[in-house]
């Protein structure tokens, strides 16, 4: 813990903690309430619960896509920020539009971008620290994020109860996702080897293996 808060890591640590908190705030706040909200927006009972499954399916695709792009470019910080920004805009689109195809597209995009970015944030966190504290760094990131996961459904529900509308919930989640993207840019970019170097290293390891 003391290493994570040293001067060379402090800015990165706080940026990761804040962005992880906001990320799981968005993920769990939206996931917990999306069936209820979609029924309020005129979707059928069965379709409303299908939106939750759609988010999870698209998160798998989004995590793979972002992971591949990060491996190719090495710009993990910028790509994670872009993913969260697109996810936030997708949620904000639900504030102004209530059409079936928009509901489907926006919820799918939220899963693809917001949850997909969270998967890659775990790898970004590990790569941002020296080997001796990487497990602690990832554990603390997930621990702080879990506070956001607890508050997300509570705050989303409280906003709906107070305003009698899902609009404030969508606003809070959309803005939080965009804020997470802006905050992660404050972290230091981990050093990463270009893809050509990785391929060369893999080739050398293959040549070095003894013949059977």
N, C-alpha and C. Protein backbone atom coordinates (compact mmCIF):
# COMPACT_ATOMS: atom_id res chain seq x y z
N UNK A 1 0.82 -1.20 0.00
CA UNK A 1 0.00 0.00 0.00
C UNK A 1 0.86 1.25 0.00
N UNK A 2 1.93 1.23 0.77
CA UNK A 2 2.81 2.40 0.83
C UNK A 2 3.44 2.67 -0.52
N UNK A 3 3.79 1.61 -1.25
CA UNK A 3 4.40 1.78 -2.57
C UNK A 3 3.40 2.41 -3.53
N UNK A 4 2.15 2.01 -3.47
CA UNK A 4 1.13 2.55 -4.38
C UNK A 4 0.96 4.05 -4.20
N UNK A 5 1.27 4.55 -3.01
CA UNK A 5 1.08 5.97 -2.72
C UNK A 5 2.39 6.75 -2.75
N UNK A 6 3.47 6.11 -3.21
CA UNK A 6 4.72 6.84 -3.39
C UNK A 6 4.56 7.90 -4.48
N UNK A 7 5.42 8.88 -4.47
CA UNK A 7 5.28 10.01 -5.39
C UNK A 7 5.27 9.59 -6.85
N UNK A 8 6.03 8.56 -7.20
CA UNK A 8 6.09 8.17 -8.61
C UNK A 8 4.83 7.44 -9.07
N UNK A 9 4.05 6.94 -8.12
CA UNK A 9 2.82 6.20 -8.46
C UNK A 9 1.55 6.92 -8.03
N UNK A 10 1.66 7.96 -7.20
CA UNK A 10 0.47 8.51 -6.55
C UNK A 10 -0.57 8.98 -7.55
N UNK A 11 -0.14 9.73 -8.56
CA UNK A 11 -1.11 10.25 -9.54
C UNK A 11 -1.80 9.11 -10.28
N UNK A 12 -1.02 8.12 -10.68
CA UNK A 12 -1.60 6.96 -11.37
C UNK A 12 -2.56 6.20 -10.47
N UNK A 13 -2.17 6.01 -9.22
CA UNK A 13 -3.01 5.28 -8.28
C UNK A 13 -4.37 5.95 -8.10
N UNK A 14 -4.35 7.25 -7.84
CA UNK A 14 -5.62 7.96 -7.61
C UNK A 14 -6.47 8.00 -8.88
N UNK A 15 -5.81 8.14 -10.05
CA UNK A 15 -6.56 8.15 -11.31
C UNK A 15 -7.23 6.81 -11.55
N UNK A 16 -6.51 5.73 -11.29
CA UNK A 16 -7.07 4.39 -11.48
C UNK A 16 -8.21 4.14 -10.50
N UNK A 17 -8.01 4.51 -9.24
CA UNK A 17 -9.06 4.29 -8.24
C UNK A 17 -10.33 5.06 -8.60
N UNK A 18 -10.17 6.32 -8.98
CA UNK A 18 -11.34 7.14 -9.29
C UNK A 18 -12.07 6.62 -10.53
N UNK A 19 -11.33 6.28 -11.57
CA UNK A 19 -11.96 5.79 -12.79
C UNK A 19 -12.61 4.43 -12.57
N UNK A 20 -11.99 3.57 -11.78
CA UNK A 20 -12.58 2.26 -11.48
C UNK A 20 -13.87 2.42 -10.65
N UNK A 21 -13.85 3.34 -9.70
CA UNK A 21 -15.05 3.62 -8.91
C UNK A 21 -16.19 4.06 -9.81
N UNK A 22 -15.93 5.00 -10.70
CA UNK A 22 -16.96 5.51 -11.59
C UNK A 22 -17.41 4.45 -12.58
N UNK A 23 -16.48 3.62 -13.04
CA UNK A 23 -16.82 2.57 -14.00
C UNK A 23 -17.82 1.58 -13.42
N UNK A 24 -17.54 1.06 -12.23
CA UNK A 24 -18.47 0.10 -11.63
C UNK A 24 -19.74 0.77 -11.12
N UNK A 25 -19.66 2.04 -10.80
CA UNK A 25 -20.87 2.81 -10.48
C UNK A 25 -21.81 2.78 -11.69
N UNK A 26 -21.25 3.01 -12.86
CA UNK A 26 -22.06 2.99 -14.09
C UNK A 26 -22.56 1.58 -14.40
N UNK A 27 -21.67 0.61 -14.33
CA UNK A 27 -22.00 -0.75 -14.73
C UNK A 27 -23.12 -1.33 -13.86
N UNK A 28 -22.96 -1.24 -12.56
CA UNK A 28 -23.95 -1.85 -11.66
C UNK A 28 -25.21 -1.00 -11.54
N UNK A 29 -25.05 0.32 -11.64
CA UNK A 29 -26.23 1.17 -11.62
C UNK A 29 -27.13 0.91 -12.81
N UNK A 30 -26.53 0.76 -13.98
CA UNK A 30 -27.31 0.51 -15.19
C UNK A 30 -27.83 -0.92 -15.23
N UNK A 31 -26.97 -1.88 -14.90
CA UNK A 31 -27.37 -3.29 -14.97
C UNK A 31 -28.52 -3.60 -14.02
N UNK A 32 -28.50 -3.01 -12.84
CA UNK A 32 -29.51 -3.33 -11.84
C UNK A 32 -30.89 -2.80 -12.21
N UNK A 33 -30.91 -1.66 -12.91
CA UNK A 33 -32.18 -0.99 -13.15
C UNK A 33 -32.66 -1.06 -14.60
N UNK A 34 -31.84 -1.58 -15.51
CA UNK A 34 -32.22 -1.51 -16.91
C UNK A 34 -33.52 -2.25 -17.22
N UNK A 35 -33.83 -3.43 -16.62
CA UNK A 35 -35.13 -4.06 -16.93
C UNK A 35 -36.32 -3.20 -16.50
N UNK A 36 -36.25 -2.64 -15.29
CA UNK A 36 -37.34 -1.81 -14.79
C UNK A 36 -37.52 -0.55 -15.64
N UNK A 37 -36.40 0.07 -15.97
CA UNK A 37 -36.46 1.30 -16.75
C UNK A 37 -37.01 1.04 -18.15
N UNK A 38 -36.61 -0.06 -18.76
CA UNK A 38 -37.09 -0.35 -20.11
C UNK A 38 -38.58 -0.67 -20.13
N UNK A 39 -39.09 -1.27 -19.08
CA UNK A 39 -40.54 -1.47 -19.00
C UNK A 39 -41.27 -0.13 -18.89
N UNK A 40 -40.67 0.80 -18.15
CA UNK A 40 -41.25 2.14 -18.05
C UNK A 40 -41.23 2.86 -19.40
N UNK A 41 -40.26 2.51 -20.24
CA UNK A 41 -40.14 3.14 -21.56
C UNK A 41 -40.98 2.43 -22.62
N UNK A 42 -41.78 1.46 -22.21
CA UNK A 42 -42.71 0.83 -23.14
C UNK A 42 -42.29 -0.51 -23.69
N UNK A 43 -41.14 -1.05 -23.25
CA UNK A 43 -40.71 -2.36 -23.72
C UNK A 43 -41.50 -3.46 -23.02
N UNK A 44 -41.59 -4.63 -23.64
CA UNK A 44 -42.30 -5.74 -23.03
C UNK A 44 -41.51 -6.29 -21.85
N UNK A 45 -42.16 -7.08 -21.02
CA UNK A 45 -41.51 -7.67 -19.85
C UNK A 45 -40.32 -8.53 -20.25
N UNK A 46 -40.53 -9.42 -21.23
CA UNK A 46 -39.46 -10.32 -21.67
C UNK A 46 -38.31 -9.54 -22.30
N UNK A 47 -38.65 -8.57 -23.15
CA UNK A 47 -37.61 -7.79 -23.82
C UNK A 47 -36.80 -6.98 -22.82
N UNK A 48 -37.47 -6.47 -21.79
CA UNK A 48 -36.77 -5.64 -20.80
C UNK A 48 -35.67 -6.42 -20.09
N UNK A 49 -35.94 -7.68 -19.75
CA UNK A 49 -34.90 -8.48 -19.11
C UNK A 49 -33.85 -8.92 -20.12
N UNK A 50 -34.22 -8.96 -21.39
CA UNK A 50 -33.24 -9.28 -22.43
C UNK A 50 -32.18 -8.20 -22.58
N UNK A 51 -32.51 -6.96 -22.19
CA UNK A 51 -31.53 -5.88 -22.29
C UNK A 51 -30.34 -6.14 -21.37
N UNK A 52 -30.59 -6.72 -20.20
CA UNK A 52 -29.49 -7.04 -19.29
C UNK A 52 -28.56 -8.07 -19.89
N UNK A 53 -29.13 -9.10 -20.53
CA UNK A 53 -28.31 -10.12 -21.20
C UNK A 53 -27.54 -9.51 -22.36
N UNK A 54 -28.19 -8.60 -23.07
CA UNK A 54 -27.52 -7.95 -24.21
C UNK A 54 -26.29 -7.18 -23.75
N UNK A 55 -26.39 -6.49 -22.63
CA UNK A 55 -25.24 -5.75 -22.10
C UNK A 55 -24.06 -6.68 -21.82
N UNK A 56 -24.34 -7.83 -21.21
CA UNK A 56 -23.26 -8.75 -20.85
C UNK A 56 -22.63 -9.38 -22.09
N UNK A 57 -23.45 -9.72 -23.06
CA UNK A 57 -22.91 -10.30 -24.31
C UNK A 57 -22.01 -9.30 -25.01
N UNK A 58 -22.47 -8.06 -25.11
CA UNK A 58 -21.69 -7.04 -25.81
C UNK A 58 -20.44 -6.66 -25.02
N UNK A 59 -20.47 -6.81 -23.70
CA UNK A 59 -19.27 -6.51 -22.91
C UNK A 59 -18.15 -7.47 -23.26
N UNK A 60 -18.51 -8.73 -23.52
CA UNK A 60 -17.51 -9.72 -23.92
C UNK A 60 -16.86 -9.32 -25.23
N UNK A 61 -17.67 -8.91 -26.19
CA UNK A 61 -17.15 -8.48 -27.49
C UNK A 61 -16.32 -7.20 -27.34
N UNK A 62 -16.83 -6.26 -26.54
CA UNK A 62 -16.12 -5.00 -26.35
C UNK A 62 -14.78 -5.17 -25.67
N UNK A 63 -14.70 -6.07 -24.69
CA UNK A 63 -13.43 -6.33 -24.03
C UNK A 63 -12.41 -6.94 -24.97
N UNK A 64 -12.85 -7.89 -25.81
CA UNK A 64 -11.94 -8.49 -26.78
C UNK A 64 -11.45 -7.46 -27.80
N UNK A 65 -12.37 -6.63 -28.29
CA UNK A 65 -11.99 -5.63 -29.29
C UNK A 65 -11.00 -4.62 -28.72
N UNK A 66 -11.29 -4.13 -27.53
CA UNK A 66 -10.39 -3.15 -26.92
C UNK A 66 -9.05 -3.78 -26.58
N UNK A 67 -9.06 -5.00 -26.05
CA UNK A 67 -7.80 -5.68 -25.74
C UNK A 67 -6.93 -5.85 -26.97
N UNK A 68 -7.56 -6.21 -28.10
CA UNK A 68 -6.81 -6.37 -29.34
C UNK A 68 -6.21 -5.04 -29.80
N UNK A 69 -7.00 -3.98 -29.72
CA UNK A 69 -6.50 -2.66 -30.16
C UNK A 69 -5.37 -2.18 -29.26
N UNK A 70 -5.48 -2.43 -27.97
CA UNK A 70 -4.42 -2.03 -27.04
C UNK A 70 -3.14 -2.80 -27.32
N UNK A 71 -3.27 -4.10 -27.59
CA UNK A 71 -2.09 -4.91 -27.90
C UNK A 71 -1.41 -4.42 -29.19
N UNK A 72 -2.20 -3.99 -30.15
CA UNK A 72 -1.63 -3.55 -31.43
C UNK A 72 -0.98 -2.17 -31.32
N UNK A 73 -1.62 -1.27 -30.58
CA UNK A 73 -1.14 0.12 -30.56
C UNK A 73 -0.31 0.46 -29.33
N UNK A 74 -0.59 -0.20 -28.21
CA UNK A 74 0.10 0.12 -26.96
C UNK A 74 -0.45 1.33 -26.24
N UNK A 75 -1.44 2.01 -26.83
CA UNK A 75 -2.00 3.22 -26.22
C UNK A 75 -3.21 2.86 -25.38
N UNK A 76 -3.00 2.13 -24.31
CA UNK A 76 -4.11 1.62 -23.51
C UNK A 76 -4.88 2.75 -22.83
N UNK A 77 -4.18 3.74 -22.32
CA UNK A 77 -4.85 4.83 -21.60
C UNK A 77 -5.82 5.59 -22.50
N UNK A 78 -5.37 5.96 -23.68
CA UNK A 78 -6.22 6.70 -24.59
C UNK A 78 -7.39 5.89 -25.10
N UNK A 79 -7.18 4.60 -25.37
CA UNK A 79 -8.25 3.76 -25.88
C UNK A 79 -9.30 3.47 -24.81
N UNK A 80 -8.87 3.26 -23.57
CA UNK A 80 -9.82 3.07 -22.48
C UNK A 80 -10.68 4.32 -22.32
N UNK A 81 -10.04 5.49 -22.37
CA UNK A 81 -10.78 6.75 -22.26
C UNK A 81 -11.80 6.89 -23.39
N UNK A 82 -11.40 6.51 -24.60
CA UNK A 82 -12.31 6.58 -25.74
C UNK A 82 -13.49 5.64 -25.56
N UNK A 83 -13.22 4.45 -25.08
CA UNK A 83 -14.30 3.48 -24.85
C UNK A 83 -15.32 4.02 -23.86
N UNK A 84 -14.84 4.57 -22.74
CA UNK A 84 -15.76 5.11 -21.74
C UNK A 84 -16.53 6.31 -22.27
N UNK A 85 -15.87 7.14 -23.07
CA UNK A 85 -16.56 8.30 -23.63
C UNK A 85 -17.70 7.88 -24.56
N UNK A 86 -17.44 6.90 -25.42
CA UNK A 86 -18.49 6.42 -26.31
C UNK A 86 -19.62 5.77 -25.52
N UNK A 87 -19.26 5.02 -24.48
CA UNK A 87 -20.28 4.41 -23.64
C UNK A 87 -21.14 5.44 -22.94
N UNK A 88 -20.52 6.49 -22.44
CA UNK A 88 -21.27 7.56 -21.79
C UNK A 88 -22.22 8.26 -22.74
N UNK A 89 -21.76 8.51 -23.97
CA UNK A 89 -22.62 9.14 -24.98
C UNK A 89 -23.79 8.24 -25.34
N UNK A 90 -23.54 6.92 -25.37
CA UNK A 90 -24.62 5.98 -25.68
C UNK A 90 -25.71 6.05 -24.61
N UNK A 91 -25.30 6.12 -23.34
CA UNK A 91 -26.29 6.22 -22.26
C UNK A 91 -27.02 7.56 -22.32
N UNK A 92 -26.30 8.63 -22.60
CA UNK A 92 -26.93 9.95 -22.68
C UNK A 92 -27.95 10.04 -23.81
N UNK A 93 -27.75 9.24 -24.86
CA UNK A 93 -28.71 9.25 -25.97
C UNK A 93 -30.09 8.78 -25.51
N UNK A 94 -30.14 7.97 -24.44
CA UNK A 94 -31.42 7.50 -23.92
C UNK A 94 -32.20 8.62 -23.25
N UNK A 95 -31.53 9.72 -22.93
CA UNK A 95 -32.22 10.86 -22.31
C UNK A 95 -33.13 11.54 -23.32
N UNK A 96 -32.70 11.61 -24.58
CA UNK A 96 -33.44 12.39 -25.58
C UNK A 96 -34.25 11.54 -26.54
N UNK A 97 -33.96 10.22 -26.59
CA UNK A 97 -34.66 9.37 -27.55
C UNK A 97 -35.25 8.16 -26.84
N UNK A 98 -36.48 7.83 -27.17
CA UNK A 98 -37.13 6.65 -26.63
C UNK A 98 -37.78 5.89 -27.79
N UNK A 99 -36.93 5.24 -28.57
CA UNK A 99 -37.36 4.44 -29.70
C UNK A 99 -36.76 3.05 -29.50
N UNK A 100 -37.49 2.02 -29.90
CA UNK A 100 -37.06 0.65 -29.64
C UNK A 100 -35.65 0.39 -30.16
N UNK A 101 -35.37 0.78 -31.39
CA UNK A 101 -34.05 0.50 -31.98
C UNK A 101 -32.96 1.29 -31.26
N UNK A 102 -33.29 2.49 -30.78
CA UNK A 102 -32.31 3.29 -30.03
C UNK A 102 -32.05 2.64 -28.67
N UNK A 103 -33.11 2.15 -28.03
CA UNK A 103 -32.94 1.45 -26.75
C UNK A 103 -31.99 0.28 -26.90
N UNK A 104 -32.21 -0.53 -27.93
CA UNK A 104 -31.36 -1.70 -28.15
C UNK A 104 -29.92 -1.28 -28.44
N UNK A 105 -29.76 -0.33 -29.36
CA UNK A 105 -28.42 0.09 -29.77
C UNK A 105 -27.65 0.73 -28.62
N UNK A 106 -28.32 1.58 -27.87
CA UNK A 106 -27.63 2.29 -26.79
C UNK A 106 -27.24 1.36 -25.65
N UNK A 107 -28.12 0.44 -25.31
CA UNK A 107 -27.79 -0.52 -24.24
C UNK A 107 -26.67 -1.45 -24.68
N UNK A 108 -26.71 -1.89 -25.95
CA UNK A 108 -25.63 -2.73 -26.47
C UNK A 108 -24.31 -1.97 -26.45
N UNK A 109 -24.34 -0.70 -26.84
CA UNK A 109 -23.12 0.12 -26.85
C UNK A 109 -22.60 0.35 -25.44
N UNK A 110 -23.52 0.52 -24.47
CA UNK A 110 -23.09 0.70 -23.08
C UNK A 110 -22.34 -0.53 -22.59
N UNK A 111 -22.85 -1.72 -22.89
CA UNK A 111 -22.15 -2.94 -22.51
C UNK A 111 -20.82 -3.08 -23.23
N UNK A 112 -20.83 -2.82 -24.52
CA UNK A 112 -19.62 -2.95 -25.35
C UNK A 112 -18.52 -2.02 -24.85
N UNK A 113 -18.86 -0.76 -24.62
CA UNK A 113 -17.84 0.23 -24.30
C UNK A 113 -17.54 0.34 -22.81
N UNK A 114 -18.56 0.48 -21.97
CA UNK A 114 -18.30 0.74 -20.55
C UNK A 114 -17.76 -0.50 -19.85
N UNK A 115 -18.47 -1.63 -20.00
CA UNK A 115 -18.00 -2.85 -19.33
C UNK A 115 -16.74 -3.38 -20.01
N UNK A 116 -16.67 -3.28 -21.34
CA UNK A 116 -15.48 -3.72 -22.06
C UNK A 116 -14.23 -3.00 -21.60
N UNK A 117 -14.36 -1.69 -21.34
CA UNK A 117 -13.21 -0.91 -20.87
C UNK A 117 -12.77 -1.34 -19.47
N UNK A 118 -13.73 -1.72 -18.63
CA UNK A 118 -13.39 -2.16 -17.28
C UNK A 118 -12.51 -3.40 -17.31
N UNK A 119 -12.78 -4.33 -18.23
CA UNK A 119 -11.95 -5.53 -18.35
C UNK A 119 -10.50 -5.15 -18.61
N UNK A 120 -10.29 -4.21 -19.53
CA UNK A 120 -8.93 -3.84 -19.92
C UNK A 120 -8.28 -2.96 -18.86
N UNK A 121 -9.08 -2.24 -18.07
CA UNK A 121 -8.51 -1.43 -16.99
C UNK A 121 -7.74 -2.30 -16.01
N UNK A 122 -8.20 -3.51 -15.78
CA UNK A 122 -7.48 -4.41 -14.87
C UNK A 122 -6.07 -4.68 -15.38
N UNK A 123 -5.93 -4.91 -16.68
CA UNK A 123 -4.61 -5.12 -17.26
C UNK A 123 -3.77 -3.84 -17.23
N UNK A 124 -4.42 -2.72 -17.51
CA UNK A 124 -3.73 -1.43 -17.44
C UNK A 124 -3.17 -1.20 -16.05
N UNK A 125 -3.95 -1.55 -15.03
CA UNK A 125 -3.50 -1.37 -13.65
C UNK A 125 -2.27 -2.22 -13.36
N UNK A 126 -2.32 -3.48 -13.75
CA UNK A 126 -1.17 -4.36 -13.50
C UNK A 126 0.08 -3.85 -14.20
N UNK A 127 -0.07 -3.35 -15.42
CA UNK A 127 1.08 -2.89 -16.20
C UNK A 127 1.64 -1.57 -15.69
N UNK A 128 0.90 -0.87 -14.84
CA UNK A 128 1.31 0.46 -14.37
C UNK A 128 2.25 0.42 -13.18
N UNK A 129 2.48 -0.78 -12.62
CA UNK A 129 3.30 -0.89 -11.41
C UNK A 129 4.37 -1.95 -11.58
N UNK A 130 5.36 -1.89 -10.72
CA UNK A 130 6.41 -2.89 -10.74
C UNK A 130 5.87 -4.24 -10.28
N UNK A 131 6.56 -5.30 -10.62
CA UNK A 131 6.04 -6.65 -10.40
C UNK A 131 5.69 -6.92 -8.95
N UNK A 132 6.48 -6.41 -8.02
CA UNK A 132 6.29 -6.73 -6.61
C UNK A 132 5.00 -6.22 -5.99
N UNK A 133 4.34 -5.24 -6.63
CA UNK A 133 3.10 -4.69 -6.05
C UNK A 133 1.92 -4.80 -7.01
N UNK A 134 2.07 -5.53 -8.09
CA UNK A 134 0.98 -5.58 -9.08
C UNK A 134 -0.28 -6.22 -8.51
N UNK A 135 -0.14 -7.29 -7.74
CA UNK A 135 -1.32 -7.94 -7.17
C UNK A 135 -2.03 -7.01 -6.20
N UNK A 136 -1.27 -6.29 -5.39
CA UNK A 136 -1.87 -5.32 -4.47
C UNK A 136 -2.57 -4.21 -5.24
N UNK A 137 -1.94 -3.74 -6.32
CA UNK A 137 -2.50 -2.66 -7.11
C UNK A 137 -3.84 -3.06 -7.73
N UNK A 138 -3.90 -4.25 -8.31
CA UNK A 138 -5.15 -4.71 -8.92
C UNK A 138 -6.20 -4.97 -7.85
N UNK A 139 -5.79 -5.55 -6.73
CA UNK A 139 -6.73 -5.80 -5.64
C UNK A 139 -7.33 -4.52 -5.09
N UNK A 140 -6.50 -3.48 -4.92
CA UNK A 140 -7.01 -2.21 -4.43
C UNK A 140 -7.92 -1.54 -5.46
N UNK A 141 -7.53 -1.65 -6.73
CA UNK A 141 -8.39 -1.09 -7.79
C UNK A 141 -9.78 -1.69 -7.74
N UNK A 142 -9.83 -3.03 -7.64
CA UNK A 142 -11.13 -3.71 -7.60
C UNK A 142 -11.88 -3.43 -6.30
N UNK A 143 -11.13 -3.26 -5.20
CA UNK A 143 -11.77 -2.95 -3.93
C UNK A 143 -12.44 -1.59 -3.94
N UNK A 144 -11.72 -0.58 -4.43
CA UNK A 144 -12.30 0.76 -4.53
C UNK A 144 -13.46 0.75 -5.53
N UNK A 145 -13.30 0.03 -6.63
CA UNK A 145 -14.36 -0.06 -7.63
C UNK A 145 -15.62 -0.67 -7.04
N UNK A 146 -15.44 -1.63 -6.11
CA UNK A 146 -16.60 -2.29 -5.53
C UNK A 146 -17.46 -1.32 -4.73
N UNK A 147 -16.86 -0.28 -4.18
CA UNK A 147 -17.65 0.75 -3.50
C UNK A 147 -18.58 1.42 -4.50
N UNK A 148 -18.06 1.70 -5.70
CA UNK A 148 -18.91 2.25 -6.75
C UNK A 148 -20.00 1.30 -7.17
N UNK A 149 -19.67 0.00 -7.19
CA UNK A 149 -20.67 -1.01 -7.55
C UNK A 149 -21.80 -1.06 -6.53
N UNK A 150 -21.49 -0.82 -5.27
CA UNK A 150 -22.51 -0.81 -4.22
C UNK A 150 -23.38 0.45 -4.32
N UNK A 151 -22.73 1.59 -4.57
CA UNK A 151 -23.47 2.85 -4.61
C UNK A 151 -24.28 3.02 -5.89
N UNK A 152 -23.83 2.40 -7.00
CA UNK A 152 -24.49 2.59 -8.28
C UNK A 152 -25.98 2.28 -8.27
N UNK A 153 -26.38 1.06 -7.90
CA UNK A 153 -27.81 0.75 -7.86
C UNK A 153 -28.58 1.60 -6.85
N UNK A 154 -27.93 1.91 -5.70
CA UNK A 154 -28.60 2.71 -4.68
C UNK A 154 -28.88 4.12 -5.18
N UNK A 155 -27.87 4.76 -5.75
CA UNK A 155 -28.04 6.13 -6.24
C UNK A 155 -29.01 6.16 -7.42
N UNK A 156 -28.90 5.20 -8.33
CA UNK A 156 -29.82 5.15 -9.47
C UNK A 156 -31.26 5.00 -9.01
N UNK A 157 -31.49 4.15 -8.02
CA UNK A 157 -32.83 3.97 -7.50
C UNK A 157 -33.34 5.22 -6.78
N UNK A 158 -32.46 5.85 -6.01
CA UNK A 158 -32.86 7.06 -5.28
C UNK A 158 -33.23 8.19 -6.24
N UNK A 159 -32.47 8.32 -7.32
CA UNK A 159 -32.78 9.36 -8.31
C UNK A 159 -34.13 9.12 -8.97
N UNK A 160 -34.41 7.86 -9.29
CA UNK A 160 -35.70 7.56 -9.91
C UNK A 160 -36.85 7.81 -8.94
N UNK A 161 -36.66 7.47 -7.69
CA UNK A 161 -37.71 7.67 -6.70
C UNK A 161 -37.98 9.16 -6.48
N UNK A 162 -36.92 9.94 -6.44
CA UNK A 162 -37.07 11.37 -6.14
C UNK A 162 -37.68 12.12 -7.33
N UNK A 163 -37.19 11.83 -8.53
CA UNK A 163 -37.64 12.57 -9.72
C UNK A 163 -38.76 11.88 -10.47
N UNK A 164 -39.09 10.65 -10.09
CA UNK A 164 -40.14 9.89 -10.78
C UNK A 164 -39.88 9.80 -12.28
N UNK A 165 -38.61 9.62 -12.62
CA UNK A 165 -38.20 9.54 -14.02
C UNK A 165 -36.82 8.90 -14.09
N UNK A 166 -36.54 8.12 -15.17
CA UNK A 166 -35.20 7.54 -15.31
C UNK A 166 -34.17 8.51 -15.88
N UNK A 167 -34.62 9.69 -16.31
CA UNK A 167 -33.71 10.64 -16.96
C UNK A 167 -32.53 11.02 -16.07
N UNK A 168 -32.73 11.39 -14.79
CA UNK A 168 -31.57 11.71 -13.95
C UNK A 168 -30.60 10.54 -13.81
N UNK A 169 -31.12 9.32 -13.79
CA UNK A 169 -30.25 8.15 -13.70
C UNK A 169 -29.36 8.06 -14.94
N UNK A 170 -29.97 8.21 -16.12
CA UNK A 170 -29.18 8.16 -17.35
C UNK A 170 -28.14 9.28 -17.39
N UNK A 171 -28.52 10.46 -16.93
CA UNK A 171 -27.58 11.58 -16.90
C UNK A 171 -26.40 11.29 -15.99
N UNK A 172 -26.68 10.78 -14.79
CA UNK A 172 -25.60 10.51 -13.83
C UNK A 172 -24.67 9.42 -14.35
N UNK A 173 -25.21 8.39 -14.96
CA UNK A 173 -24.38 7.29 -15.46
C UNK A 173 -23.59 7.73 -16.68
N UNK A 174 -24.24 8.44 -17.60
CA UNK A 174 -23.53 8.90 -18.79
C UNK A 174 -22.39 9.85 -18.46
N UNK A 175 -22.66 10.81 -17.58
CA UNK A 175 -21.61 11.77 -17.19
C UNK A 175 -20.50 11.08 -16.42
N UNK A 176 -20.85 10.10 -15.58
CA UNK A 176 -19.83 9.38 -14.81
C UNK A 176 -18.90 8.58 -15.73
N UNK A 177 -19.45 7.98 -16.78
CA UNK A 177 -18.62 7.22 -17.72
C UNK A 177 -17.65 8.15 -18.45
N UNK A 178 -18.14 9.29 -18.89
CA UNK A 178 -17.26 10.25 -19.56
C UNK A 178 -16.20 10.78 -18.60
N UNK A 179 -16.59 11.04 -17.36
CA UNK A 179 -15.63 11.50 -16.35
C UNK A 179 -14.56 10.45 -16.09
N UNK A 180 -14.95 9.18 -16.06
CA UNK A 180 -13.96 8.11 -15.87
C UNK A 180 -12.94 8.13 -17.00
N UNK A 181 -13.41 8.35 -18.23
CA UNK A 181 -12.48 8.43 -19.36
C UNK A 181 -11.52 9.60 -19.25
N UNK A 182 -12.00 10.72 -18.76
CA UNK A 182 -11.13 11.88 -18.61
C UNK A 182 -10.12 11.66 -17.49
N UNK A 183 -10.56 11.03 -16.40
CA UNK A 183 -9.67 10.84 -15.25
C UNK A 183 -8.55 9.85 -15.57
N UNK A 184 -8.85 8.79 -16.31
CA UNK A 184 -7.82 7.78 -16.58
C UNK A 184 -6.68 8.37 -17.41
N UNK A 185 -6.94 9.46 -18.13
CA UNK A 185 -5.88 10.13 -18.90
C UNK A 185 -4.83 10.77 -17.99
N UNK A 186 -5.18 10.96 -16.73
CA UNK A 186 -4.21 11.53 -15.79
C UNK A 186 -3.19 10.50 -15.33
N UNK A 187 -3.49 9.22 -15.50
CA UNK A 187 -2.54 8.17 -15.11
C UNK A 187 -1.37 8.15 -16.09
N UNK A 188 -0.25 7.66 -15.62
CA UNK A 188 0.92 7.54 -16.50
C UNK A 188 0.73 6.35 -17.43
N UNK A 189 1.09 6.54 -18.68
CA UNK A 189 0.97 5.47 -19.66
C UNK A 189 2.01 4.39 -19.40
N UNK A 190 1.61 3.14 -19.18
CA UNK A 190 2.60 2.07 -18.96
C UNK A 190 3.48 1.89 -20.18
N UNK A 191 4.75 1.58 -19.95
CA UNK A 191 5.65 1.28 -21.05
C UNK A 191 5.27 -0.08 -21.64
N UNK A 192 5.21 -0.17 -22.96
CA UNK A 192 4.83 -1.43 -23.60
C UNK A 192 5.68 -1.63 -24.83
N UNK A 193 6.00 -2.88 -25.10
CA UNK A 193 6.80 -3.20 -26.27
C UNK A 193 5.93 -3.20 -27.50
N UNK A 194 6.44 -2.69 -28.65
CA UNK A 194 5.66 -2.74 -29.88
C UNK A 194 5.42 -4.18 -30.31
N UNK A 195 4.41 -4.37 -31.14
CA UNK A 195 4.03 -5.72 -31.53
C UNK A 195 5.15 -6.46 -32.25
N UNK A 196 5.97 -5.72 -33.01
CA UNK A 196 7.07 -6.36 -33.73
C UNK A 196 8.07 -6.97 -32.75
N UNK A 197 8.32 -6.25 -31.64
CA UNK A 197 9.26 -6.76 -30.65
C UNK A 197 8.70 -8.00 -29.96
N UNK A 198 7.39 -7.99 -29.71
CA UNK A 198 6.76 -9.14 -29.08
C UNK A 198 6.85 -10.37 -29.99
N UNK A 199 6.59 -10.15 -31.27
CA UNK A 199 6.66 -11.26 -32.22
C UNK A 199 8.09 -11.78 -32.34
N UNK A 200 9.06 -10.87 -32.32
CA UNK A 200 10.46 -11.27 -32.41
C UNK A 200 10.86 -12.08 -31.18
N UNK A 201 10.40 -11.62 -30.00
CA UNK A 201 10.73 -12.35 -28.78
C UNK A 201 10.11 -13.74 -28.80
N UNK A 202 8.88 -13.84 -29.28
CA UNK A 202 8.23 -15.14 -29.36
C UNK A 202 8.98 -16.07 -30.30
N UNK A 203 9.49 -15.50 -31.41
CA UNK A 203 10.26 -16.30 -32.35
C UNK A 203 11.56 -16.79 -31.75
N UNK A 204 12.20 -15.93 -30.96
CA UNK A 204 13.46 -16.32 -30.32
C UNK A 204 13.22 -17.43 -29.31
N UNK A 205 12.12 -17.35 -28.56
CA UNK A 205 11.82 -18.39 -27.59
C UNK A 205 11.58 -19.72 -28.29
N UNK A 206 10.92 -19.65 -29.44
CA UNK A 206 10.63 -20.88 -30.17
C UNK A 206 11.91 -21.52 -30.68
N UNK A 207 12.84 -20.68 -31.17
CA UNK A 207 14.12 -21.21 -31.66
C UNK A 207 14.93 -21.78 -30.52
N UNK A 208 14.84 -21.16 -29.33
CA UNK A 208 15.66 -21.58 -28.21
C UNK A 208 15.21 -22.90 -27.59
N UNK A 209 13.99 -23.36 -27.91
CA UNK A 209 13.51 -24.60 -27.33
C UNK A 209 14.33 -25.79 -27.84
N UNK A 210 14.74 -26.72 -26.96
CA UNK A 210 15.52 -27.85 -27.40
C UNK A 210 14.69 -28.79 -28.28
N UNK A 211 15.32 -29.39 -29.24
CA UNK A 211 14.64 -30.33 -30.15
C UNK A 211 14.31 -31.60 -29.39
N UNK A 212 13.13 -32.14 -29.64
CA UNK A 212 12.72 -33.36 -28.95
C UNK A 212 13.17 -34.59 -29.74
